[in-house]
Protein backbone atom coordinates (compact mmCIF):
# COMPACT_ATOMS: atom_id res chain seq x y z
CA MET A 1 22.29 17.61 16.24
CA LYS A 2 22.80 14.13 17.44
CA ARG A 3 18.92 13.64 17.94
CA ALA A 4 18.38 14.76 14.42
CA PHE A 5 21.02 12.43 13.07
CA ASP A 6 19.55 9.52 15.00
CA PHE A 7 16.06 10.29 13.91
CA PHE A 8 17.26 9.45 10.40
CA TRP A 9 20.30 7.30 10.68
CA GLY A 10 19.73 5.56 13.92
CA PRO A 11 19.16 1.77 13.96
CA ALA A 12 15.96 0.16 12.89
CA ASP A 13 14.60 -3.39 13.23
CA PRO A 14 15.11 -5.06 9.79
CA ARG A 15 11.95 -7.08 10.29
CA THR A 16 10.00 -3.81 9.69
CA TYR A 17 11.54 -3.26 6.42
CA ALA A 18 10.85 -6.95 5.67
CA LEU A 19 7.10 -6.64 6.49
CA VAL A 20 6.89 -3.44 4.26
CA ARG A 21 8.69 -5.34 1.41
CA ILE A 22 6.32 -8.25 1.62
CA ALA A 23 3.08 -6.17 1.96
CA LEU A 24 4.06 -3.93 -0.98
CA SER A 25 4.84 -7.04 -3.10
CA LEU A 26 1.60 -8.63 -2.51
CA ALA A 27 -0.30 -5.40 -3.08
CA ALA A 28 1.51 -4.90 -6.35
CA LEU A 29 0.83 -8.40 -7.39
CA ALA A 30 -2.83 -8.24 -6.67
CA ASN A 31 -2.95 -4.89 -8.71
CA LEU A 32 -1.09 -6.63 -11.59
CA ILE A 33 -3.61 -9.62 -11.50
CA LEU A 34 -6.38 -6.99 -11.64
CA LEU A 35 -4.87 -5.42 -14.76
CA TRP A 36 -4.02 -8.69 -16.49
CA PRO A 37 -7.33 -9.35 -18.25
CA VAL A 38 -7.29 -5.70 -19.88
CA ARG A 39 -3.63 -5.51 -20.60
CA ASP A 40 -4.05 -5.20 -24.41
CA GLU A 41 -6.82 -2.47 -23.96
CA TYR A 42 -4.54 -0.55 -21.65
CA PHE A 43 -1.08 -0.98 -22.78
CA ALA A 44 -0.83 -2.32 -26.31
CA GLN A 45 -0.53 -0.32 -29.51
CA GLY A 46 -4.23 -0.81 -30.51
CA GLY A 47 -5.65 -0.08 -27.01
CA LEU A 48 -8.04 2.54 -25.74
CA VAL A 49 -5.50 5.41 -25.77
CA SER A 50 -3.15 5.46 -28.79
CA LEU A 51 0.53 5.24 -28.28
CA ALA A 52 0.95 8.73 -30.02
CA ALA A 53 -1.45 10.30 -27.66
CA ALA A 54 0.33 8.85 -24.53
CA ARG A 55 3.61 10.16 -25.83
CA ALA A 56 2.26 13.55 -26.60
CA THR A 57 0.71 13.85 -23.07
CA ALA A 58 4.08 12.86 -21.40
CA SER A 59 6.16 15.14 -23.78
CA GLY A 60 8.34 17.41 -21.83
CA GLY A 61 7.90 15.55 -18.59
CA LEU A 62 9.91 13.24 -16.54
CA CYS A 63 7.83 10.21 -17.04
CA GLY A 64 8.67 7.38 -19.17
CA SER A 65 7.22 4.06 -19.96
CA VAL A 66 8.65 0.71 -21.30
CA PHE A 67 5.22 0.46 -23.14
CA TYR A 68 6.43 3.37 -25.37
CA VAL A 69 8.97 0.91 -26.79
CA VAL A 70 7.13 -2.50 -26.32
CA SER A 71 3.64 -2.16 -27.51
CA SER A 72 2.62 -5.49 -29.19
CA PRO A 73 0.30 -7.61 -27.24
CA THR A 74 2.83 -10.36 -27.01
CA GLY A 75 5.46 -7.85 -25.71
CA VAL A 76 2.94 -6.36 -23.23
CA THR A 77 2.32 -9.90 -21.76
CA VAL A 78 6.07 -10.53 -21.49
CA VAL A 79 6.56 -7.24 -19.56
CA MET A 80 3.80 -8.04 -17.17
CA LEU A 81 5.15 -11.48 -16.50
CA VAL A 82 8.50 -10.15 -15.83
CA ALA A 83 7.08 -7.65 -13.44
CA ALA A 84 5.06 -10.38 -11.77
CA ALA A 85 8.11 -12.43 -11.33
CA ALA A 86 9.97 -9.50 -9.85
CA MET A 87 7.27 -9.06 -7.38
CA VAL A 88 7.32 -12.50 -6.26
CA ALA A 89 11.23 -12.34 -5.90
CA LEU A 90 10.95 -9.16 -3.87
CA CYS A 91 8.39 -10.87 -1.60
CA ALA A 92 10.67 -13.82 -1.11
CA GLY A 93 13.78 -11.67 -0.56
CA TYR A 94 15.55 -12.83 -3.59
CA TRP A 95 17.76 -10.28 -5.65
CA MET A 96 15.94 -7.83 -3.65
CA ARG A 97 17.52 -4.54 -4.91
CA PHE A 98 17.16 -5.61 -8.65
CA SER A 99 13.57 -6.88 -8.08
CA ALA A 100 12.61 -3.59 -6.33
CA ALA A 101 13.89 -1.64 -9.30
CA VAL A 102 11.89 -3.69 -11.79
CA VAL A 103 8.80 -3.28 -9.57
CA TRP A 104 9.20 0.36 -9.40
CA LEU A 105 9.80 0.61 -13.21
CA TRP A 106 6.63 -1.41 -13.73
CA HIS A 107 4.40 1.08 -11.71
CA LEU A 108 6.20 3.93 -13.54
CA SER A 109 5.60 2.42 -16.92
CA TYR A 110 1.97 1.50 -16.71
CA SER A 111 1.08 4.72 -15.01
CA GLY A 112 2.71 6.63 -17.87
CA ARG A 113 0.96 4.57 -20.51
CA ALA A 114 -2.55 4.14 -19.17
CA PHE A 115 -3.05 7.39 -17.19
CA PRO A 116 -6.73 7.76 -17.80
CA ILE A 117 -7.46 4.68 -15.68
CA LEU A 118 -5.22 5.47 -12.65
CA HIS A 119 -6.65 5.43 -9.15
CA SER A 120 -5.18 6.72 -5.83
CA TRP A 121 -3.67 3.30 -5.18
CA ASP A 122 -1.49 3.56 -8.35
CA ALA A 123 0.11 6.65 -6.88
CA LEU A 124 0.56 4.75 -3.61
CA LEU A 125 2.30 1.88 -5.38
CA ARG A 126 4.60 4.14 -7.34
CA ILE A 127 5.67 6.06 -4.21
CA TYR A 128 6.12 3.12 -1.90
CA SER A 129 7.91 1.01 -4.55
CA LEU A 130 10.32 3.78 -5.01
CA LEU A 131 10.82 4.22 -1.25
CA VAL A 132 11.41 0.53 -0.94
CA LEU A 133 14.03 0.70 -3.74
CA VAL A 134 15.94 3.50 -1.93
CA SER A 135 15.65 1.99 1.52
CA PRO A 136 17.83 -0.64 3.26
CA MET A 137 16.75 -4.15 2.59
CA GLY A 138 18.03 -6.26 5.45
CA ARG A 139 18.20 -9.98 5.23
CA VAL A 140 15.53 -11.18 7.55
CA TRP A 141 12.69 -13.31 6.23
CA SER A 142 14.36 -13.71 2.82
CA VAL A 143 15.94 -16.34 0.50
CA LEU A 144 19.27 -14.71 0.97
CA GLN A 145 19.06 -15.26 4.81
CA LEU A 146 18.07 -18.94 4.33
CA ARG A 147 20.81 -19.65 1.91
CA HIS A 148 23.41 -17.67 3.72
CA PRO A 149 22.55 -17.32 7.40
CA ARG A 150 24.31 -14.97 9.54
CA PRO A 151 23.55 -13.70 13.22
CA ALA A 152 20.74 -11.34 13.53
CA ASP A 153 23.01 -8.73 15.24
CA ALA A 154 24.96 -8.42 11.91
CA ASP A 155 21.74 -7.35 10.11
CA ARG A 156 21.81 -3.70 11.20
CA VAL A 157 20.07 -1.16 9.12
CA PRO A 158 19.42 2.70 9.37
CA VAL A 159 15.91 3.95 9.93
CA TYR A 160 15.77 6.69 7.21
CA GLY A 161 13.64 4.59 4.74
CA LEU A 162 10.93 3.99 7.44
CA ARG A 163 10.98 7.72 8.11
CA LEU A 164 10.18 8.47 4.50
CA MET A 165 7.44 5.97 4.47
CA GLN A 166 5.95 7.32 7.67
CA TRP A 167 5.85 10.81 6.45
CA GLN A 168 4.19 9.68 3.28
CA LEU A 169 1.39 8.13 5.28
CA VAL A 170 0.90 11.33 7.28
CA VAL A 171 0.86 13.33 4.07
CA VAL A 172 -1.83 11.03 2.65
CA TYR A 173 -4.10 11.35 5.65
CA VAL A 174 -3.56 15.05 6.37
CA THR A 175 -4.43 16.01 2.82
CA THR A 176 -7.36 13.58 2.81
CA VAL A 177 -8.86 15.02 5.83
CA TRP A 178 -8.17 18.67 4.55
CA LEU A 179 -9.99 17.85 1.23
CA LYS A 180 -12.94 16.11 2.96
CA LEU A 181 -13.62 18.63 5.70
CA PRO A 182 -15.08 21.31 3.32
CA ASP A 183 -17.33 18.91 1.56
CA GLU A 184 -20.95 19.31 2.44
CA TYR A 185 -21.58 15.53 2.23
CA TRP A 186 -18.88 14.64 4.58
CA ARG A 187 -20.08 17.42 6.96
CA ASN A 188 -23.68 16.35 6.90
CA GLY A 189 -22.88 12.62 7.25
CA GLN A 190 -24.34 11.51 3.99
CA VAL A 191 -21.22 10.24 2.25
CA CYS A 192 -21.66 6.60 3.38
CA ALA A 193 -25.40 6.66 2.23
CA TYR A 194 -24.35 7.70 -1.14
CA PHE A 195 -21.36 5.56 -1.36
CA SER A 196 -23.39 2.47 -0.41
CA MET A 197 -25.43 3.01 -3.59
CA SER A 198 -22.59 3.85 -5.89
CA PHE A 199 -21.03 1.40 -8.47
CA TYR A 200 -18.05 1.00 -6.04
CA SER A 201 -20.14 -0.55 -3.57
CA LEU A 202 -20.91 -4.43 -3.39
CA THR A 203 -24.45 -3.46 -2.41
CA SER A 204 -25.21 -0.76 -4.91
CA ASN A 205 -28.88 -1.88 -4.98
CA SER A 206 -29.41 -1.41 -1.37
CA THR A 207 -30.92 1.73 0.17
CA PHE A 208 -30.39 0.70 3.79
CA PHE A 209 -28.18 3.70 4.72
CA ALA A 210 -30.39 6.14 2.72
CA ARG A 211 -33.37 4.92 4.85
CA HIS A 212 -31.28 5.12 8.03
CA GLU A 213 -29.42 8.28 7.77
CA TRP A 214 -28.28 8.29 11.35
CA LEU A 215 -26.38 5.21 10.66
CA SER A 216 -24.77 6.73 7.65
CA ALA A 217 -23.86 9.79 9.78
CA ILE A 218 -22.18 7.56 12.43
CA GLU A 219 -20.25 5.68 9.82
CA THR A 220 -19.22 8.92 7.99
CA TYR A 221 -18.04 10.72 11.11
CA LEU A 222 -16.30 7.61 12.60
CA SER A 223 -14.35 7.05 9.45
CA LEU A 224 -13.33 10.72 9.28
CA ALA A 225 -12.22 10.74 12.92
CA ILE A 226 -10.21 7.60 12.28
CA GLU A 227 -8.47 9.24 9.31
CA ALA A 228 -7.75 12.39 11.27
CA SER A 229 -6.29 10.59 14.24
CA VAL A 230 -4.47 7.64 12.80
CA PRO A 231 -1.21 9.41 11.81
CA TRP A 232 -0.72 10.75 15.29
CA LEU A 233 -1.84 7.47 16.98
CA LEU A 234 0.80 5.57 14.95
CA TRP A 235 3.40 8.13 15.51
CA MET A 236 3.27 7.84 19.44
CA LYS A 237 4.54 4.54 20.71
CA LYS A 238 1.91 4.20 23.48
CA THR A 239 -0.89 4.41 20.97
CA ARG A 240 0.65 2.71 18.05
CA LEU A 241 -1.13 -0.49 18.28
CA VAL A 242 -4.40 1.30 18.69
CA GLY A 243 -3.86 3.33 15.59
CA LEU A 244 -2.84 0.17 13.62
CA ALA A 245 -6.03 -1.62 14.74
CA ALA A 246 -8.18 1.46 13.95
CA GLY A 247 -6.69 2.15 10.53
CA LEU A 248 -6.52 -1.42 9.43
CA GLY A 249 -9.96 -2.05 10.72
CA LEU A 250 -11.27 0.82 8.61
CA HIS A 251 -9.49 -0.44 5.43
CA PHE A 252 -10.85 -4.01 6.20
CA ALA A 253 -14.30 -2.63 6.22
CA ILE A 254 -13.74 -0.84 3.00
CA ALA A 255 -12.23 -4.02 1.48
CA VAL A 256 -15.28 -6.21 2.29
CA THR A 257 -18.05 -3.73 1.44
CA SER A 258 -16.58 -2.24 -1.83
CA THR A 259 -14.64 -2.99 -4.92
CA LEU A 260 -11.62 -1.04 -3.47
CA ALA A 261 -9.91 -4.00 -1.74
CA ILE A 262 -6.78 -3.09 -3.77
CA PHE A 263 -6.75 0.38 -2.26
CA SER A 264 -6.88 -1.15 1.33
CA MET A 265 -3.96 -3.48 0.57
CA CYS A 266 -1.86 -0.56 -0.86
CA MET A 267 -2.36 1.38 2.49
CA VAL A 268 -0.84 -1.47 4.52
CA PRO A 269 2.84 -0.95 3.75
CA GLY A 270 2.61 2.53 5.25
CA TYR A 271 1.13 1.34 8.43
CA LEU A 272 3.75 -1.37 8.87
CA SER A 273 6.46 1.22 8.49
CA PHE A 274 5.64 2.63 11.91
CA LEU A 275 6.25 -0.75 13.80
CA ASP A 276 9.43 -1.03 15.74
CA GLY A 277 11.01 -4.22 17.17
CA ASP A 278 8.91 -3.96 20.38
CA ASP A 279 5.73 -3.60 18.48
CA ILE A 280 6.49 -6.71 16.27
CA ASP A 281 7.34 -8.69 19.41
CA ARG A 282 4.05 -7.61 21.07
CA ILE A 283 2.06 -8.64 18.08
CA ALA A 284 3.89 -11.92 17.77
CA GLY A 285 3.39 -12.57 21.41
CA LEU A 286 -0.47 -11.86 21.01
CA ALA A 287 -0.63 -14.31 18.16
CA ARG A 288 1.20 -17.02 20.13
CA ALA A 289 -0.94 -16.43 23.16
CA ARG A 290 -4.38 -16.95 21.34
CA PRO A 291 -3.55 -20.61 20.26
CA ARG A 292 -2.28 -21.28 23.78
CA ALA A 293 -5.44 -19.93 25.37
CA GLN A 294 -7.55 -21.85 23.00
CA THR A 295 -5.74 -25.05 23.98
CA LEU A 296 -6.33 -24.52 27.66
CA VAL A 297 -10.02 -24.03 27.21
CA ASP A 298 -10.53 -26.94 24.99
CA PRO A 299 -11.71 -30.13 26.77
């Protein structure tokens, strides 16, 4: 019983919550910037989907949207500016609980209004913004700590929020692999060849992988192997940094070869939720060691 209690309510390093908060804020802000040029088409009264149709679709459900009330182009712009300000405040650690609530309501609102244009990362932003809202915030790496400093030992937080975030990432990868394994294109290794010529690819005019199917197969099977193993590598302390490097490396490759960089950014908070204090210290130590080593080899 004590182990189960400690699993949810034991102490956590507040720096982990801070890393997740900052990563989520940056991903949310990048997504808002992506939506900014098309805000009127997606959210205003005269947009692609009529307000009446959006309300009819959501009728009887639990989803609401501020855009059901604010639908003028000027009002939509104001709502997005308020959401952007909340993301900046959440990243900086200012009025964190209030800012987190605004960020979550923003994701809920635009998802309810512009549902035809939603992607997988919109769901990730909704989920993780809610988890950040209900999780302990801590004071480290925040404006609050700078303005009213107190000893680090006083900033104790329970781990339950990180557990929820960790489980969410496991669910994402388990269901992803479950859906991909029966697909014939994943099984025959041709997915990357087709993807490289799709409109999501930055090299959609290239037939390189189609002409070198063995490279497509290697890339397809390697990405599938990483997705299948990452949750378990992250969960075990001895292999956590390996899982972090493999998963983030996969998403970095996606970001630089496709138009799905936002998706890769939205996956980062889930990865960071697995880090504990020792992991953060090790990564910080590696970061400090590289400049020192560079200094030693320079003439």
